[in-house]
Amino acid sequence: FDIADDEFLKLHLFAKKIAQAIRKAVPCRRIGLA
């Protein structure tokens, strides 16, 4: 939460893209974020 707002948004949008790929590649119900 010390990351600048624009970098924070980029990080989370990047994580969303990765999570979507993991969900397609790895059998699971959802992808959790911690």
PDB file of all heavy atoms in Angstrom:
ATOM      1  N   PHE A   1       0.802  -1.216   0.000  1.00  0.00           N
ATOM      2  CA  PHE A   1       0.000   0.000   0.000  1.00  0.00           C
ATOM      3  C   PHE A   1       0.840   1.274   0.000  1.00  0.00           C
ATOM      4  O   PHE A   1       0.298   2.385   0.039  1.00  0.00           O
ATOM      5  CB  PHE A   1      -1.015  -0.027   1.151  1.00  0.00           C
ATOM      6  CG  PHE A   1      -2.027  -1.125   0.961  1.00  0.00           C
ATOM      7  CD1 PHE A   1      -2.107  -2.174   1.859  1.00  0.00           C
ATOM      8  CD2 PHE A   1      -2.873  -1.144  -0.141  1.00  0.00           C
ATOM      9  CE1 PHE A   1      -3.021  -3.203   1.683  1.00  0.00           C
ATOM     10  CE2 PHE A   1      -3.788  -2.164  -0.337  1.00  0.00           C
ATOM     11  CZ  PHE A   1      -3.861  -3.202   0.582  1.00  0.00           C
ATOM     12  N   ASP A   2       2.158   1.112  -0.110  1.00  0.00           N
ATOM     13  CA  ASP A   2       3.055   2.255  -0.330  1.00  0.00           C
ATOM     14  C   ASP A   2       3.367   2.445  -1.815  1.00  0.00           C
ATOM     15  O   ASP A   2       4.037   3.405  -2.187  1.00  0.00           O
ATOM     16  CB  ASP A   2       4.372   2.073   0.435  1.00  0.00           C
ATOM     17  CG  ASP A   2       4.203   2.275   1.934  1.00  0.00           C
ATOM     18  OD1 ASP A   2       3.214   2.917   2.355  1.00  0.00           O
ATOM     19  OD2 ASP A   2       5.056   1.780   2.694  1.00  0.00           O
ATOM     20  N   ILE A   3       2.897   1.535  -2.652  1.00  0.00           N
ATOM     21  CA  ILE A   3       3.128   1.640  -4.097  1.00  0.00           C
ATOM     22  C   ILE A   3       2.292   2.802  -4.638  1.00  0.00           C
ATOM     23  O   ILE A   3       1.139   2.984  -4.249  1.00  0.00           O
ATOM     24  CB  ILE A   3       2.733   0.322  -4.806  1.00  0.00           C
ATOM     25  CG1 ILE A   3       3.638  -0.823  -4.327  1.00  0.00           C
ATOM     26  CG2 ILE A   3       2.798   0.474  -6.318  1.00  0.00           C
ATOM     27  CD1 ILE A   3       3.213  -2.189  -4.844  1.00  0.00           C
ATOM     28  N   ALA A   4       2.879   3.567  -5.541  1.00  0.00           N
ATOM     29  CA  ALA A   4       2.155   4.673  -6.176  1.00  0.00           C
ATOM     30  C   ALA A   4       0.894   4.142  -6.860  1.00  0.00           C
ATOM     31  O   ALA A   4       0.877   3.005  -7.358  1.00  0.00           O
ATOM     32  CB  ALA A   4       3.059   5.373  -7.192  1.00  0.00           C
ATOM     33  N   ASP A   5      -0.141   4.958  -6.907  1.00  0.00           N
ATOM     34  CA  ASP A   5      -1.436   4.515  -7.427  1.00  0.00           C
ATOM     35  C   ASP A   5      -1.356   3.915  -8.824  1.00  0.00           C
ATOM     36  O   ASP A   5      -1.944   2.866  -9.094  1.00  0.00           O
ATOM     37  CB  ASP A   5      -2.440   5.676  -7.434  1.00  0.00           C
ATOM     38  CG  ASP A   5      -2.884   6.073  -6.042  1.00  0.00           C
ATOM     39  OD1 ASP A   5      -2.559   5.363  -5.067  1.00  0.00           O
ATOM     40  OD2 ASP A   5      -3.567   7.119  -5.931  1.00  0.00           O
ATOM     41  N   ASP A   6      -0.641   4.573  -9.727  1.00  0.00           N
ATOM     42  CA  ASP A   6      -0.575   4.058 -11.095  1.00  0.00           C
ATOM     43  C   ASP A   6       0.137   2.702 -11.146  1.00  0.00           C
ATOM     44  O   ASP A   6      -0.283   1.800 -11.874  1.00  0.00           O
ATOM     45  CB  ASP A   6       0.077   5.063 -12.043  1.00  0.00           C
ATOM     46  CG  ASP A   6       1.524   5.375 -11.693  1.00  0.00           C
ATOM     47  OD1 ASP A   6       1.870   5.404 -10.498  1.00  0.00           O
ATOM     48  OD2 ASP A   6       2.319   5.587 -12.630  1.00  0.00           O
ATOM     49  N   GLU A   7       1.185   2.531 -10.357  1.00  0.00           N
ATOM     50  CA  GLU A   7       1.895   1.248 -10.310  1.00  0.00           C
ATOM     51  C   GLU A   7       1.041   0.175  -9.638  1.00  0.00           C
ATOM     52  O   GLU A   7       1.066  -0.991 -10.046  1.00  0.00           O
ATOM     53  CB  GLU A   7       3.223   1.404  -9.567  1.00  0.00           C
ATOM     54  CG  GLU A   7       4.213   2.270 -10.312  1.00  0.00           C
ATOM     55  CD  GLU A   7       5.495   2.507  -9.525  1.00  0.00           C
ATOM     56  OE1 GLU A   7       5.714   1.847  -8.487  1.00  0.00           O
ATOM     57  OE2 GLU A   7       6.278   3.361  -9.954  1.00  0.00           O
ATOM     58  N   PHE A   8       0.277   0.559  -8.627  1.00  0.00           N
ATOM     59  CA  PHE A   8      -0.625  -0.360  -7.937  1.00  0.00           C
ATOM     60  C   PHE A   8      -1.665  -0.916  -8.917  1.00  0.00           C
ATOM     61  O   PHE A   8      -1.928  -2.116  -8.939  1.00  0.00           O
ATOM     62  CB  PHE A   8      -1.297   0.384  -6.780  1.00  0.00           C
ATOM     63  CG  PHE A   8      -2.168  -0.464  -5.903  1.00  0.00           C
ATOM     64  CD1 PHE A   8      -1.629  -1.190  -4.856  1.00  0.00           C
ATOM     65  CD2 PHE A   8      -3.538  -0.515  -6.112  1.00  0.00           C
ATOM     66  CE1 PHE A   8      -2.433  -1.969  -4.031  1.00  0.00           C
ATOM     67  CE2 PHE A   8      -4.346  -1.286  -5.299  1.00  0.00           C
ATOM     68  CZ  PHE A   8      -3.800  -2.012  -4.257  1.00  0.00           C
ATOM     69  N   LEU A   9      -2.241  -0.025  -9.714  1.00  0.00           N
ATOM     70  CA  LEU A   9      -3.225  -0.454 -10.713  1.00  0.00           C
ATOM     71  C   LEU A   9      -2.594  -1.373 -11.752  1.00  0.00           C
ATOM     72  O   LEU A   9      -3.179  -2.411 -12.111  1.00  0.00           O
ATOM     73  CB  LEU A   9      -3.857   0.763 -11.394  1.00  0.00           C
ATOM     74  CG  LEU A   9      -4.758   1.611 -10.515  1.00  0.00           C
ATOM     75  CD1 LEU A   9      -5.169   2.875 -11.243  1.00  0.00           C
ATOM     76  CD2 LEU A   9      -5.974   0.826 -10.055  1.00  0.00           C
ATOM     77  N   LYS A  10      -1.421  -1.027 -12.236  1.00  0.00           N
ATOM     78  CA  LYS A  10      -0.734  -1.865 -13.216  1.00  0.00           C
ATOM     79  C   LYS A  10      -0.426  -3.243 -12.644  1.00  0.00           C
ATOM     80  O   LYS A  10      -0.571  -4.259 -13.329  1.00  0.00           O
ATOM     81  CB  LYS A  10       0.552  -1.193 -13.696  1.00  0.00           C
ATOM     82  CG  LYS A  10       0.310  -0.001 -14.589  1.00  0.00           C
ATOM     83  CD  LYS A  10       1.606   0.715 -14.926  1.00  0.00           C
ATOM     84  CE  LYS A  10       1.321   1.978 -15.711  1.00  0.00           C
ATOM     85  NZ  LYS A  10       2.509   2.796 -15.908  1.00  0.00           N
ATOM     86  N   LEU A  11      -0.006  -3.288 -11.388  1.00  0.00           N
ATOM     87  CA  LEU A  11       0.300  -4.559 -10.730  1.00  0.00           C
ATOM     88  C   LEU A  11      -0.950  -5.440 -10.673  1.00  0.00           C
ATOM     89  O   LEU A  11      -0.905  -6.630 -11.009  1.00  0.00           O
ATOM     90  CB  LEU A  11       0.840  -4.303  -9.319  1.00  0.00           C
ATOM     91  CG  LEU A  11       1.109  -5.535  -8.460  1.00  0.00           C
ATOM     92  CD1 LEU A  11       2.259  -6.349  -9.038  1.00  0.00           C
ATOM     93  CD2 LEU A  11       1.414  -5.122  -7.020  1.00  0.00           C
ATOM     94  N   HIS A  12      -2.069  -4.869 -10.275  1.00  0.00           N
ATOM     95  CA  HIS A  12      -3.289  -5.655 -10.137  1.00  0.00           C
ATOM     96  C   HIS A  12      -3.875  -6.069 -11.491  1.00  0.00           C
ATOM     97  O   HIS A  12      -4.400  -7.182 -11.620  1.00  0.00           O
ATOM     98  CB  HIS A  12      -4.302  -4.919  -9.273  1.00  0.00           C
ATOM     99  CG  HIS A  12      -3.968  -5.037  -7.822  1.00  0.00           C
ATOM    100  ND1 HIS A  12      -2.982  -4.279  -7.216  1.00  0.00           N
ATOM    101  CD2 HIS A  12      -4.443  -5.860  -6.865  1.00  0.00           C
ATOM    102  CE1 HIS A  12      -2.880  -4.619  -5.952  1.00  0.00           C
ATOM    103  NE2 HIS A  12      -3.745  -5.581  -5.712  1.00  0.00           N
ATOM    104  N   LEU A  13      -3.778  -5.228 -12.486  1.00  0.00           N
ATOM    105  CA  LEU A  13      -4.233  -5.612 -13.827  1.00  0.00           C
ATOM    106  C   LEU A  13      -3.348  -6.725 -14.401  1.00  0.00           C
ATOM    107  O   LEU A  13      -3.835  -7.649 -15.055  1.00  0.00           O
ATOM    108  CB  LEU A  13      -4.270  -4.407 -14.757  1.00  0.00           C
ATOM    109  CG  LEU A  13      -5.387  -3.406 -14.452  1.00  0.00           C
ATOM    110  CD1 LEU A  13      -5.207  -2.143 -15.291  1.00  0.00           C
ATOM    111  CD2 LEU A  13      -6.751  -4.028 -14.672  1.00  0.00           C
ATOM    112  N   PHE A  14      -2.059  -6.646 -14.141  1.00  0.00           N
ATOM    113  CA  PHE A  14      -1.135  -7.696 -14.566  1.00  0.00           C
ATOM    114  C   PHE A  14      -1.474  -8.997 -13.839  1.00  0.00           C
ATOM    115  O   PHE A  14      -1.537 -10.069 -14.452  1.00  0.00           O
ATOM    116  CB  PHE A  14       0.304  -7.253 -14.273  1.00  0.00           C
ATOM    117  CG  PHE A  14       1.365  -8.172 -14.785  1.00  0.00           C
ATOM    118  CD1 PHE A  14       1.718  -8.193 -16.121  1.00  0.00           C
ATOM    119  CD2 PHE A  14       2.038  -9.018 -13.911  1.00  0.00           C
ATOM    120  CE1 PHE A  14       2.715  -9.036 -16.596  1.00  0.00           C
ATOM    121  CE2 PHE A  14       3.035  -9.868 -14.370  1.00  0.00           C
ATOM    122  CZ  PHE A  14       3.374  -9.880 -15.715  1.00  0.00           C
ATOM    123  N   ALA A  15      -1.735  -8.919 -12.534  1.00  0.00           N
ATOM    124  CA  ALA A  15      -2.100 -10.107 -11.744  1.00  0.00           C
ATOM    125  C   ALA A  15      -3.391 -10.727 -12.269  1.00  0.00           C
ATOM    126  O   ALA A  15      -3.520 -11.961 -12.314  1.00  0.00           O
ATOM    127  CB  ALA A  15      -2.242  -9.735 -10.273  1.00  0.00           C
ATOM    128  N   LYS A  16      -4.342  -9.913 -12.677  1.00  0.00           N
ATOM    129  CA  LYS A  16      -5.606 -10.424 -13.228  1.00  0.00           C
ATOM    130  C   LYS A  16      -5.343 -11.261 -14.474  1.00  0.00           C
ATOM    131  O   LYS A  16      -5.899 -12.357 -14.633  1.00  0.00           O
ATOM    132  CB  LYS A  16      -6.541  -9.253 -13.555  1.00  0.00           C
ATOM    133  CG  LYS A  16      -7.851  -9.683 -14.182  1.00  0.00           C
ATOM    134  CD  LYS A  16      -8.717  -8.472 -14.509  1.00  0.00           C
ATOM    135  CE  LYS A  16      -9.995  -8.906 -15.193  1.00  0.00           C
ATOM    136  NZ  LYS A  16     -10.848  -7.736 -15.535  1.00  0.00           N
ATOM    137  N   LYS A  17      -4.484 -10.769 -15.350  1.00  0.00           N
ATOM    138  CA  LYS A  17      -4.145 -11.494 -16.577  1.00  0.00           C
ATOM    139  C   LYS A  17      -3.485 -12.835 -16.237  1.00  0.00           C
ATOM    140  O   LYS A  17      -3.813 -13.867 -16.836  1.00  0.00           O
ATOM    141  CB  LYS A  17      -3.203 -10.621 -17.423  1.00  0.00           C
ATOM    142  CG  LYS A  17      -2.792 -11.235 -18.741  1.00  0.00           C
ATOM    143  CD  LYS A  17      -2.020 -10.233 -19.586  1.00  0.00           C
ATOM    144  CE  LYS A  17      -0.551 -10.309 -19.281  1.00  0.00           C
ATOM    145  NZ  LYS A  17       0.282  -9.548 -20.226  1.00  0.00           N
ATOM    146  N   ILE A  18      -2.598 -12.843 -15.275  1.00  0.00           N
ATOM    147  CA  ILE A  18      -1.912 -14.068 -14.869  1.00  0.00           C
ATOM    148  C   ILE A  18      -2.910 -15.035 -14.232  1.00  0.00           C
ATOM    149  O   ILE A  18      -2.901 -16.239 -14.523  1.00  0.00           O
ATOM    150  CB  ILE A  18      -0.745 -13.756 -13.903  1.00  0.00           C
ATOM    151  CG1 ILE A  18       0.271 -12.804 -14.543  1.00  0.00           C
ATOM    152  CG2 ILE A  18      -0.081 -15.046 -13.430  1.00  0.00           C
ATOM    153  CD1 ILE A  18       0.857 -13.252 -15.856  1.00  0.00           C
ATOM    154  N   ALA A  19      -3.795 -14.522 -13.372  1.00  0.00           N
ATOM    155  CA  ALA A  19      -4.800 -15.365 -12.718  1.00  0.00           C
ATOM    156  C   ALA A  19      -5.707 -16.036 -13.748  1.00  0.00           C
ATOM    157  O   ALA A  19      -6.033 -17.225 -13.619  1.00  0.00           O
ATOM    158  CB  ALA A  19      -5.632 -14.535 -11.741  1.00  0.00           C
ATOM    159  N   GLN A  20      -6.107 -15.303 -14.766  1.00  0.00           N
ATOM    160  CA  GLN A  20      -6.959 -15.882 -15.807  1.00  0.00           C
ATOM    161  C   GLN A  20      -6.236 -17.010 -16.545  1.00  0.00           C
ATOM    162  O   GLN A  20      -6.835 -18.041 -16.865  1.00  0.00           O
ATOM    163  CB  GLN A  20      -7.419 -14.795 -16.778  1.00  0.00           C
ATOM    164  CG  GLN A  20      -8.401 -13.842 -16.139  1.00  0.00           C
ATOM    165  CD  GLN A  20      -8.672 -12.606 -16.982  1.00  0.00           C
ATOM    166  OE1 GLN A  20      -7.833 -12.162 -17.778  1.00  0.00           O
ATOM    167  NE2 GLN A  20      -9.840 -12.023 -16.795  1.00  0.00           N
ATOM    168  N   ALA A  21      -4.952 -16.840 -16.785  1.00  0.00           N
ATOM    169  CA  ALA A  21      -4.172 -17.888 -17.456  1.00  0.00           C
ATOM    170  C   ALA A  21      -3.995 -19.100 -16.543  1.00  0.00           C
ATOM    171  O   ALA A  21      -4.090 -20.248 -17.009  1.00  0.00           O
ATOM    172  CB  ALA A  21      -2.810 -17.329 -17.881  1.00  0.00           C
ATOM    173  N   ILE A  22      -3.740 -18.874 -15.267  1.00  0.00           N
ATOM    174  CA  ILE A  22      -3.595 -19.992 -14.331  1.00  0.00           C
ATOM    175  C   ILE A  22      -4.880 -20.797 -14.294  1.00  0.00           C
ATOM    176  O   ILE A  22      -4.860 -22.033 -14.335  1.00  0.00           O
ATOM    177  CB  ILE A  22      -3.226 -19.498 -12.915  1.00  0.00           C
ATOM    178  CG1 ILE A  22      -1.837 -18.868 -12.903  1.00  0.00           C
ATOM    179  CG2 ILE A  22      -3.288 -20.662 -11.914  1.00  0.00           C
ATOM    180  CD1 ILE A  22      -1.498 -18.147 -11.599  1.00  0.00           C
ATOM    181  N   ARG A  23      -6.010 -20.116 -14.209  1.00  0.00           N
ATOM    182  CA  ARG A  23      -7.303 -20.808 -14.128  1.00  0.00           C
ATOM    183  C   ARG A  23      -7.559 -21.693 -15.340  1.00  0.00           C
ATOM    184  O   ARG A  23      -8.156 -22.760 -15.240  1.00  0.00           O
ATOM    185  CB  ARG A  23      -8.431 -19.799 -13.954  1.00  0.00           C
ATOM    186  CG  ARG A  23      -9.745 -20.466 -13.603  1.00  0.00           C
ATOM    187  CD  ARG A  23     -10.784 -19.467 -13.199  1.00  0.00           C
ATOM    188  NE  ARG A  23     -11.978 -20.161 -12.737  1.00  0.00           N
ATOM    189  CZ  ARG A  23     -13.156 -19.596 -12.677  1.00  0.00           C
ATOM    190  NH1 ARG A  23     -13.311 -18.333 -13.027  1.00  0.00           N
ATOM    191  NH2 ARG A  23     -14.203 -20.268 -12.248  1.00  0.00           N
ATOM    192  N   LYS A  24      -7.104 -21.268 -16.503  1.00  0.00           N
ATOM    193  CA  LYS A  24      -7.253 -22.075 -17.715  1.00  0.00           C
ATOM    194  C   LYS A  24      -6.284 -23.255 -17.738  1.00  0.00           C
ATOM    195  O   LYS A  24      -6.584 -24.295 -18.302  1.00  0.00           O
ATOM    196  CB  LYS A  24      -7.022 -21.207 -18.951  1.00  0.00           C
ATOM    197  CG  LYS A  24      -8.104 -20.186 -19.196  1.00  0.00           C
ATOM    198  CD  LYS A  24      -7.739 -19.308 -20.384  1.00  0.00           C
ATOM    199  CE  LYS A  24      -8.727 -18.174 -20.565  1.00  0.00           C
ATOM    200  NZ  LYS A  24      -8.273 -17.230 -21.610  1.00  0.00           N
ATOM    201  N   ALA A  25      -5.125 -23.077 -17.126  1.00  0.00           N
ATOM    202  CA  ALA A  25      -4.064 -24.087 -17.209  1.00  0.00           C
ATOM    203  C   ALA A  25      -4.090 -25.110 -16.076  1.00  0.00           C
ATOM    204  O   ALA A  25      -3.614 -26.231 -16.249  1.00  0.00           O
ATOM    205  CB  ALA A  25      -2.693 -23.398 -17.231  1.00  0.00           C
ATOM    206  N   VAL A  26      -4.620 -24.721 -14.930  1.00  0.00           N
ATOM    207  CA  VAL A  26      -4.574 -25.571 -13.737  1.00  0.00           C
ATOM    208  C   VAL A  26      -6.004 -25.867 -13.294  1.00  0.00           C
ATOM    209  O   VAL A  26      -6.760 -24.927 -13.006  1.00  0.00           O
ATOM    210  CB  VAL A  26      -3.805 -24.866 -12.593  1.00  0.00           C
ATOM    211  CG1 VAL A  26      -3.805 -25.715 -11.342  1.00  0.00           C
ATOM    212  CG2 VAL A  26      -2.385 -24.535 -13.027  1.00  0.00           C
ATOM    213  N   PRO A  27      -6.386 -27.131 -13.238  1.00  0.00           N
ATOM    214  CA  PRO A  27      -7.749 -27.446 -12.789  1.00  0.00           C
ATOM    215  C   PRO A  27      -7.987 -26.931 -11.365  1.00  0.00           C
ATOM    216  O   PRO A  27      -7.239 -27.252 -10.440  1.00  0.00           O
ATOM    217  CB  PRO A  27      -7.795 -28.978 -12.815  1.00  0.00           C
ATOM    218  CG  PRO A  27      -6.684 -29.384 -13.728  1.00  0.00           C
ATOM    219  CD  PRO A  27      -5.630 -28.335 -13.592  1.00  0.00           C
ATOM    220  N   CYS A  28      -9.007 -26.077 -11.213  1.00  0.00           N
ATOM    221  CA  CYS A  28      -9.369 -25.519  -9.913  1.00  0.00           C
ATOM    222  C   CYS A  28     -10.711 -24.823 -10.038  1.00  0.00           C
ATOM    223  O   CYS A  28     -11.182 -24.569 -11.143  1.00  0.00           O
ATOM    224  CB  CYS A  28      -8.297 -24.542  -9.416  1.00  0.00           C
ATOM    225  SG  CYS A  28      -8.075 -23.097 -10.462  1.00  0.00           S
ATOM    226  N   ARG A  29     -11.299 -24.498  -8.898  1.00  0.00           N
ATOM    227  CA  ARG A  29     -12.582 -23.785  -8.906  1.00  0.00           C
ATOM    228  C   ARG A  29     -12.396 -22.292  -9.131  1.00  0.00           C
ATOM    229  O   ARG A  29     -13.181 -21.655  -9.824  1.00  0.00           O
ATOM    230  CB  ARG A  29     -13.323 -24.028  -7.598  1.00  0.00           C
ATOM    231  CG  ARG A  29     -13.810 -25.468  -7.479  1.00  0.00           C
ATOM    232  CD  ARG A  29     -14.482 -25.763  -6.165  1.00  0.00           C
ATOM    233  NE  ARG A  29     -15.607 -24.878  -5.921  1.00  0.00           N
ATOM    234  CZ  ARG A  29     -16.135 -24.672  -4.728  1.00  0.00           C
ATOM    235  NH1 ARG A  29     -15.657 -25.293  -3.676  1.00  0.00           N
ATOM    236  NH2 ARG A  29     -17.158 -23.847  -4.575  1.00  0.00           N
ATOM    237  N   ARG A  30     -11.371 -21.731  -8.512  1.00  0.00           N
ATOM    238  CA  ARG A  30     -11.089 -20.299  -8.606  1.00  0.00           C
ATOM    239  C   ARG A  30      -9.602 -20.065  -8.374  1.00  0.00           C
ATOM    240  O   ARG A  30      -8.896 -20.951  -7.947  1.00  0.00           O
ATOM    241  CB  ARG A  30     -11.851 -19.505  -7.546  1.00  0.00           C
ATOM    242  CG  ARG A  30     -13.328 -19.508  -7.729  1.00  0.00           C
ATOM    243  CD  ARG A  30     -14.000 -18.659  -6.690  1.00  0.00           C
ATOM    244  NE  ARG A  30     -15.442 -18.815  -6.854  1.00  0.00           N
ATOM    245  CZ  ARG A  30     -16.254 -17.836  -7.181  1.00  0.00           C
ATOM    246  NH1 ARG A  30     -15.783 -16.631  -7.355  1.00  0.00           N
ATOM    247  NH2 ARG A  30     -17.536 -18.045  -7.316  1.00  0.00           N
ATOM    248  N   ILE A  31      -9.212 -18.817  -8.579  1.00  0.00           N
ATOM    249  CA  ILE A  31      -7.867 -18.392  -8.203  1.00  0.00           C
ATOM    250  C   ILE A  31      -8.018 -17.420  -7.042  1.00  0.00           C
ATOM    251  O   ILE A  31      -8.725 -16.415  -7.142  1.00  0.00           O
ATOM    252  CB  ILE A  31      -7.122 -17.699  -9.369  1.00  0.00           C
ATOM    253  CG1 ILE A  31      -7.031 -18.617 -10.584  1.00  0.00           C
ATOM    254  CG2 ILE A  31      -5.736 -17.230  -8.921  1.00  0.00           C
ATOM    255  CD1 ILE A  31      -6.274 -19.901 -10.351  1.00  0.00           C
ATOM    256  N   GLY A  32      -7.372 -17.753  -5.939  1.00  0.00           N
ATOM    257  CA  GLY A  32      -7.387 -16.870  -4.775  1.00  0.00           C
ATOM    258  C   GLY A  32      -6.239 -15.891  -4.846  1.00  0.00           C
ATOM    259  O   GLY A  32      -5.201 -16.158  -5.457  1.00  0.00           O
ATOM    260  N   LEU A  33      -6.432 -14.750  -4.234  1.00  0.00           N
ATOM    261  CA  LEU A  33      -5.413 -13.711  -4.187  1.00  0.00           C
ATOM    262  C   LEU A  33      -5.118 -13.426  -2.725  1.00  0.00           C
ATOM    263  O   LEU A  33      -6.037 -13.231  -1.928  1.00  0.00           O
ATOM    264  CB  LEU A  33      -5.937 -12.451  -4.886  1.00  0.00           C
ATOM    265  CG  LEU A  33      -5.017 -11.261  -4.955  1.00  0.00           C
ATOM    266  CD1 LEU A  33      -5.275 -10.488  -6.241  1.00  0.00           C
ATOM    267  CD2 LEU A  33      -5.193 -10.346  -3.763  1.00  0.00           C
ATOM    268  N   ALA A  34      -3.849 -13.436  -2.376  1.00  0.00           N
ATOM    269  CA  ALA A  34      -3.448 -13.130  -1.005  1.00  0.00           C
ATOM    270  C   ALA A  34      -2.273 -12.164  -1.023  1.00  0.00           C
ATOM    271  O   ALA A  34      -1.345 -12.317  -1.818  1.00  0.00           O
ATOM    272  CB  ALA A  34      -3.061 -14.405  -0.257  1.00  0.00           C
TER     273      ALA A  34
END
